[in-house]
Amino acid sequence: MKLETAAQQLASLGNPIRLKLYRALVRAGHVGCACGVLQDKLGIPASTLSHHIKQLMETGLVYQERQGTTLVCHAHYPAMEKLVGYLADECCAESGCEVSKEKAA
């Protein structure tokens, strides 16, 4: 993963509403969550929800699909795994801390 991509994704998650939204989508699993349900869960207007979903989509953390008349949002798990991996891959690489020893076991 490129540094710029990680920075953009982390910046998009740096907003409290977007972080709450993203966590709700991660919790929803692979079935995703309808926009109306997300709006109710977060207690925000549809236009605000749309703005925040757009920001997460632009960084590749979220995607949408239409199911009939319903727009369903999904966390893009491969992107999440890459971001978490980017943050953790070199943990204690220079110092040999306890976390590195646990990874080896």
N, C-alpha and C. Protein backbone atom coordinates (compact mmCIF):
# COMPACT_ATOMS: atom_id res chain seq x y z
N MET A 1 0.84 -1.18 0.00
CA MET A 1 0.00 0.00 0.00
C MET A 1 0.89 1.24 0.00
N LYS A 2 0.48 2.22 -0.77
CA LYS A 2 1.23 3.46 -0.83
C LYS A 2 0.90 4.35 0.37
N LEU A 3 1.88 5.09 0.80
CA LEU A 3 1.72 6.02 1.91
C LEU A 3 0.56 6.98 1.67
N GLU A 4 0.44 7.50 0.46
CA GLU A 4 -0.61 8.46 0.14
C GLU A 4 -2.01 7.85 0.29
N THR A 5 -2.15 6.59 -0.14
CA THR A 5 -3.44 5.91 -0.01
C THR A 5 -3.80 5.72 1.44
N ALA A 6 -2.85 5.25 2.24
CA ALA A 6 -3.10 5.07 3.67
C ALA A 6 -3.46 6.39 4.33
N ALA A 7 -2.76 7.45 3.98
CA ALA A 7 -3.04 8.76 4.56
C ALA A 7 -4.45 9.24 4.21
N GLN A 8 -4.87 9.04 2.96
CA GLN A 8 -6.21 9.45 2.54
C GLN A 8 -7.28 8.65 3.27
N GLN A 9 -7.06 7.34 3.41
CA GLN A 9 -8.05 6.51 4.10
C GLN A 9 -8.12 6.88 5.57
N LEU A 10 -6.99 7.07 6.20
CA LEU A 10 -6.99 7.45 7.61
C LEU A 10 -7.63 8.83 7.80
N ALA A 11 -7.37 9.74 6.89
CA ALA A 11 -7.99 11.07 6.98
C ALA A 11 -9.51 10.97 6.86
N SER A 12 -9.98 10.10 5.96
CA SER A 12 -11.44 9.96 5.81
C SER A 12 -12.07 9.36 7.06
N LEU A 13 -11.33 8.53 7.76
CA LEU A 13 -11.84 7.94 9.00
C LEU A 13 -11.66 8.87 10.20
N GLY A 14 -10.95 9.99 9.99
CA GLY A 14 -10.68 10.92 11.08
C GLY A 14 -11.87 11.78 11.47
N ASN A 15 -12.94 11.72 10.72
CA ASN A 15 -14.16 12.43 11.05
C ASN A 15 -15.03 11.53 11.91
N PRO A 16 -15.53 12.02 13.05
CA PRO A 16 -16.33 11.16 13.96
C PRO A 16 -17.55 10.51 13.29
N ILE A 17 -18.25 11.25 12.45
CA ILE A 17 -19.43 10.67 11.80
C ILE A 17 -19.01 9.58 10.83
N ARG A 18 -17.97 9.82 10.04
CA ARG A 18 -17.51 8.80 9.10
C ARG A 18 -16.99 7.57 9.82
N LEU A 19 -16.29 7.76 10.92
CA LEU A 19 -15.80 6.62 11.67
C LEU A 19 -16.97 5.80 12.23
N LYS A 20 -17.96 6.48 12.75
CA LYS A 20 -19.16 5.79 13.26
C LYS A 20 -19.87 5.05 12.12
N LEU A 21 -19.98 5.70 10.97
CA LEU A 21 -20.60 5.10 9.79
C LEU A 21 -19.83 3.87 9.35
N TYR A 22 -18.52 4.00 9.26
CA TYR A 22 -17.69 2.88 8.82
C TYR A 22 -17.79 1.71 9.78
N ARG A 23 -17.76 1.98 11.05
CA ARG A 23 -17.89 0.91 12.05
C ARG A 23 -19.24 0.20 11.93
N ALA A 24 -20.29 0.96 11.64
CA ALA A 24 -21.62 0.36 11.46
C ALA A 24 -21.61 -0.58 10.26
N LEU A 25 -20.91 -0.17 9.20
CA LEU A 25 -20.84 -1.03 8.01
C LEU A 25 -19.99 -2.27 8.26
N VAL A 26 -18.92 -2.12 8.98
CA VAL A 26 -18.08 -3.28 9.33
C VAL A 26 -18.90 -4.26 10.17
N ARG A 27 -19.66 -3.73 11.10
CA ARG A 27 -20.51 -4.59 11.96
C ARG A 27 -21.59 -5.29 11.16
N ALA A 28 -22.07 -4.64 10.09
CA ALA A 28 -23.15 -5.22 9.28
C ALA A 28 -22.70 -6.45 8.52
N GLY A 29 -21.41 -6.59 8.32
CA GLY A 29 -20.90 -7.76 7.60
C GLY A 29 -21.09 -7.63 6.11
N HIS A 30 -20.99 -8.75 5.44
CA HIS A 30 -21.03 -8.76 3.97
C HIS A 30 -22.40 -8.43 3.39
N VAL A 31 -23.46 -8.49 4.20
CA VAL A 31 -24.79 -8.13 3.69
C VAL A 31 -24.94 -6.63 3.54
N GLY A 32 -24.12 -5.86 4.23
CA GLY A 32 -24.18 -4.41 4.14
C GLY A 32 -25.35 -3.84 4.91
N CYS A 33 -25.62 -2.57 4.64
CA CYS A 33 -26.69 -1.88 5.37
C CYS A 33 -27.32 -0.84 4.44
N ALA A 34 -28.62 -0.82 4.42
CA ALA A 34 -29.36 0.14 3.59
C ALA A 34 -29.11 1.56 4.08
N CYS A 35 -29.09 2.49 3.16
CA CYS A 35 -28.84 3.89 3.52
C CYS A 35 -29.87 4.40 4.53
N GLY A 36 -31.12 4.04 4.36
CA GLY A 36 -32.16 4.47 5.30
C GLY A 36 -31.91 3.97 6.70
N VAL A 37 -31.45 2.75 6.81
CA VAL A 37 -31.14 2.17 8.13
C VAL A 37 -29.94 2.90 8.74
N LEU A 38 -28.93 3.16 7.92
CA LEU A 38 -27.77 3.91 8.40
C LEU A 38 -28.17 5.30 8.88
N GLN A 39 -29.03 5.93 8.13
CA GLN A 39 -29.50 7.27 8.49
C GLN A 39 -30.18 7.24 9.86
N ASP A 40 -31.01 6.24 10.09
CA ASP A 40 -31.68 6.11 11.39
C ASP A 40 -30.69 5.81 12.50
N LYS A 41 -29.74 4.91 12.24
CA LYS A 41 -28.74 4.56 13.26
C LYS A 41 -27.91 5.75 13.69
N LEU A 42 -27.53 6.57 12.70
CA LEU A 42 -26.66 7.70 12.98
C LEU A 42 -27.41 8.97 13.36
N GLY A 43 -28.71 8.99 13.04
CA GLY A 43 -29.52 10.16 13.37
C GLY A 43 -29.10 11.41 12.62
N ILE A 44 -28.80 11.24 11.32
CA ILE A 44 -28.36 12.38 10.51
C ILE A 44 -29.23 12.50 9.27
N PRO A 45 -29.30 13.70 8.69
CA PRO A 45 -30.09 13.88 7.46
C PRO A 45 -29.50 13.08 6.29
N ALA A 46 -30.33 12.77 5.32
CA ALA A 46 -29.90 11.99 4.16
C ALA A 46 -28.76 12.68 3.40
N SER A 47 -28.82 14.00 3.29
CA SER A 47 -27.76 14.72 2.57
C SER A 47 -26.42 14.62 3.29
N THR A 48 -26.43 14.64 4.60
CA THR A 48 -25.21 14.50 5.39
C THR A 48 -24.66 13.09 5.24
N LEU A 49 -25.53 12.11 5.31
CA LEU A 49 -25.11 10.72 5.13
C LEU A 49 -24.48 10.53 3.75
N SER A 50 -25.12 11.07 2.74
CA SER A 50 -24.62 10.95 1.38
C SER A 50 -23.23 11.56 1.25
N HIS A 51 -23.02 12.70 1.85
CA HIS A 51 -21.71 13.36 1.83
C HIS A 51 -20.64 12.47 2.45
N HIS A 52 -20.93 11.90 3.59
CA HIS A 52 -19.94 11.08 4.29
C HIS A 52 -19.69 9.75 3.59
N ILE A 53 -20.73 9.16 3.02
CA ILE A 53 -20.55 7.93 2.24
C ILE A 53 -19.65 8.21 1.03
N LYS A 54 -19.89 9.34 0.38
CA LYS A 54 -19.08 9.71 -0.78
C LYS A 54 -17.61 9.81 -0.39
N GLN A 55 -17.32 10.42 0.73
CA GLN A 55 -15.93 10.55 1.18
C GLN A 55 -15.29 9.19 1.40
N LEU A 56 -16.01 8.26 2.00
CA LEU A 56 -15.48 6.91 2.24
C LEU A 56 -15.34 6.13 0.94
N MET A 57 -16.25 6.36 0.00
CA MET A 57 -16.16 5.68 -1.29
C MET A 57 -14.96 6.17 -2.09
N GLU A 58 -14.67 7.45 -2.01
CA GLU A 58 -13.55 8.02 -2.75
C GLU A 58 -12.21 7.43 -2.31
N THR A 59 -12.13 6.98 -1.07
CA THR A 59 -10.88 6.38 -0.59
C THR A 59 -10.88 4.86 -0.72
N GLY A 60 -11.98 4.29 -1.22
CA GLY A 60 -12.05 2.85 -1.44
C GLY A 60 -12.43 2.03 -0.24
N LEU A 61 -12.84 2.66 0.84
CA LEU A 61 -13.21 1.91 2.04
C LEU A 61 -14.64 1.41 2.02
N VAL A 62 -15.48 2.01 1.17
CA VAL A 62 -16.91 1.68 1.11
C VAL A 62 -17.33 1.60 -0.36
N TYR A 63 -18.29 0.71 -0.63
CA TYR A 63 -18.92 0.68 -1.95
C TYR A 63 -20.42 0.51 -1.76
N GLN A 64 -21.17 0.85 -2.80
CA GLN A 64 -22.63 0.74 -2.75
C GLN A 64 -23.13 -0.14 -3.88
N GLU A 65 -24.29 -0.73 -3.64
CA GLU A 65 -24.97 -1.46 -4.70
C GLU A 65 -26.47 -1.25 -4.55
N ARG A 66 -27.14 -1.26 -5.67
CA ARG A 66 -28.58 -1.09 -5.66
C ARG A 66 -29.24 -2.46 -5.62
N GLN A 67 -30.16 -2.61 -4.69
CA GLN A 67 -30.96 -3.84 -4.58
C GLN A 67 -32.42 -3.42 -4.72
N GLY A 68 -32.91 -3.51 -5.93
CA GLY A 68 -34.26 -3.02 -6.21
C GLY A 68 -34.29 -1.51 -6.08
N THR A 69 -35.09 -1.01 -5.15
CA THR A 69 -35.17 0.43 -4.93
C THR A 69 -34.30 0.88 -3.76
N THR A 70 -33.58 -0.06 -3.16
CA THR A 70 -32.78 0.24 -1.98
C THR A 70 -31.31 0.35 -2.34
N LEU A 71 -30.66 1.36 -1.80
CA LEU A 71 -29.22 1.53 -1.97
C LEU A 71 -28.55 0.97 -0.72
N VAL A 72 -27.69 -0.04 -0.92
CA VAL A 72 -27.05 -0.73 0.20
C VAL A 72 -25.56 -0.41 0.19
N CYS A 73 -25.05 -0.05 1.36
CA CYS A 73 -23.63 0.28 1.52
C CYS A 73 -22.91 -0.90 2.15
N HIS A 74 -21.65 -1.07 1.74
CA HIS A 74 -20.82 -2.16 2.25
C HIS A 74 -19.44 -1.64 2.61
N ALA A 75 -18.88 -2.18 3.66
CA ALA A 75 -17.47 -1.94 3.93
C ALA A 75 -16.68 -2.76 2.91
N HIS A 76 -15.64 -2.19 2.35
CA HIS A 76 -14.79 -2.92 1.40
C HIS A 76 -13.68 -3.57 2.22
N TYR A 77 -13.91 -4.82 2.60
CA TYR A 77 -13.01 -5.51 3.54
C TYR A 77 -11.57 -5.65 3.04
N PRO A 78 -11.34 -5.91 1.76
CA PRO A 78 -9.94 -5.97 1.32
C PRO A 78 -9.19 -4.66 1.56
N ALA A 79 -9.86 -3.53 1.35
CA ALA A 79 -9.22 -2.23 1.60
C ALA A 79 -8.94 -2.06 3.09
N MET A 80 -9.88 -2.47 3.92
CA MET A 80 -9.68 -2.38 5.37
C MET A 80 -8.50 -3.24 5.81
N GLU A 81 -8.43 -4.46 5.28
CA GLU A 81 -7.35 -5.37 5.65
C GLU A 81 -6.00 -4.81 5.21
N LYS A 82 -5.94 -4.20 4.03
CA LYS A 82 -4.69 -3.59 3.56
C LYS A 82 -4.27 -2.45 4.47
N LEU A 83 -5.23 -1.63 4.88
CA LEU A 83 -4.91 -0.49 5.74
C LEU A 83 -4.42 -0.95 7.10
N VAL A 84 -5.12 -1.89 7.70
CA VAL A 84 -4.70 -2.41 9.00
C VAL A 84 -3.34 -3.09 8.88
N GLY A 85 -3.14 -3.84 7.81
CA GLY A 85 -1.85 -4.49 7.58
C GLY A 85 -0.74 -3.48 7.42
N TYR A 86 -1.02 -2.40 6.70
CA TYR A 86 -0.02 -1.34 6.51
C TYR A 86 0.41 -0.76 7.85
N LEU A 87 -0.56 -0.60 8.75
CA LEU A 87 -0.25 -0.03 10.06
C LEU A 87 0.51 -1.01 10.96
N ALA A 88 0.25 -2.29 10.80
CA ALA A 88 0.81 -3.27 11.73
C ALA A 88 2.02 -4.05 11.21
N ASP A 89 2.22 -4.08 9.91
CA ASP A 89 3.25 -4.94 9.33
C ASP A 89 4.64 -4.75 9.90
N GLU A 90 5.02 -3.54 10.16
CA GLU A 90 6.38 -3.30 10.62
C GLU A 90 6.45 -2.98 12.11
N CYS A 91 5.47 -3.44 12.84
CA CYS A 91 5.44 -3.19 14.28
C CYS A 91 6.73 -3.70 14.92
N CYS A 92 7.41 -2.82 15.59
CA CYS A 92 8.64 -3.14 16.33
C CYS A 92 9.73 -3.75 15.46
N ALA A 93 9.73 -3.48 14.18
CA ALA A 93 10.72 -4.05 13.26
C ALA A 93 12.14 -3.68 13.65
N GLU A 94 12.32 -2.54 14.24
CA GLU A 94 13.66 -2.09 14.59
C GLU A 94 14.04 -2.38 16.03
N SER A 95 13.08 -2.70 16.87
CA SER A 95 13.41 -2.87 18.29
C SER A 95 13.15 -4.26 18.84
N GLY A 96 12.43 -5.11 18.11
CA GLY A 96 12.16 -6.47 18.60
C GLY A 96 11.31 -6.49 19.85
N CYS A 97 10.22 -5.72 19.87
CA CYS A 97 9.37 -5.65 21.06
C CYS A 97 8.54 -6.93 21.23
N GLU A 98 7.76 -6.97 22.25
CA GLU A 98 6.95 -8.15 22.58
C GLU A 98 5.94 -8.49 21.49
N VAL A 99 5.40 -7.49 20.81
CA VAL A 99 4.41 -7.74 19.77
C VAL A 99 5.04 -8.56 18.65
N SER A 100 6.29 -8.26 18.30
CA SER A 100 6.98 -9.02 17.25
C SER A 100 7.16 -10.47 17.66
N LYS A 101 7.46 -10.70 18.92
CA LYS A 101 7.64 -12.07 19.41
C LYS A 101 6.32 -12.83 19.38
N GLU A 102 5.22 -12.14 19.67
CA GLU A 102 3.90 -12.79 19.63
C GLU A 102 3.53 -13.16 18.20
N LYS A 103 3.90 -12.35 17.22
CA LYS A 103 3.61 -12.63 15.82
C LYS A 103 4.33 -13.89 15.37
N ALA A 104 5.54 -14.10 15.87
CA ALA A 104 6.34 -15.25 15.48
C ALA A 104 5.82 -16.56 16.06
N ALA A 105 5.15 -16.49 17.18
CA ALA A 105 4.68 -17.69 17.88
C ALA A 105 3.48 -18.31 17.23
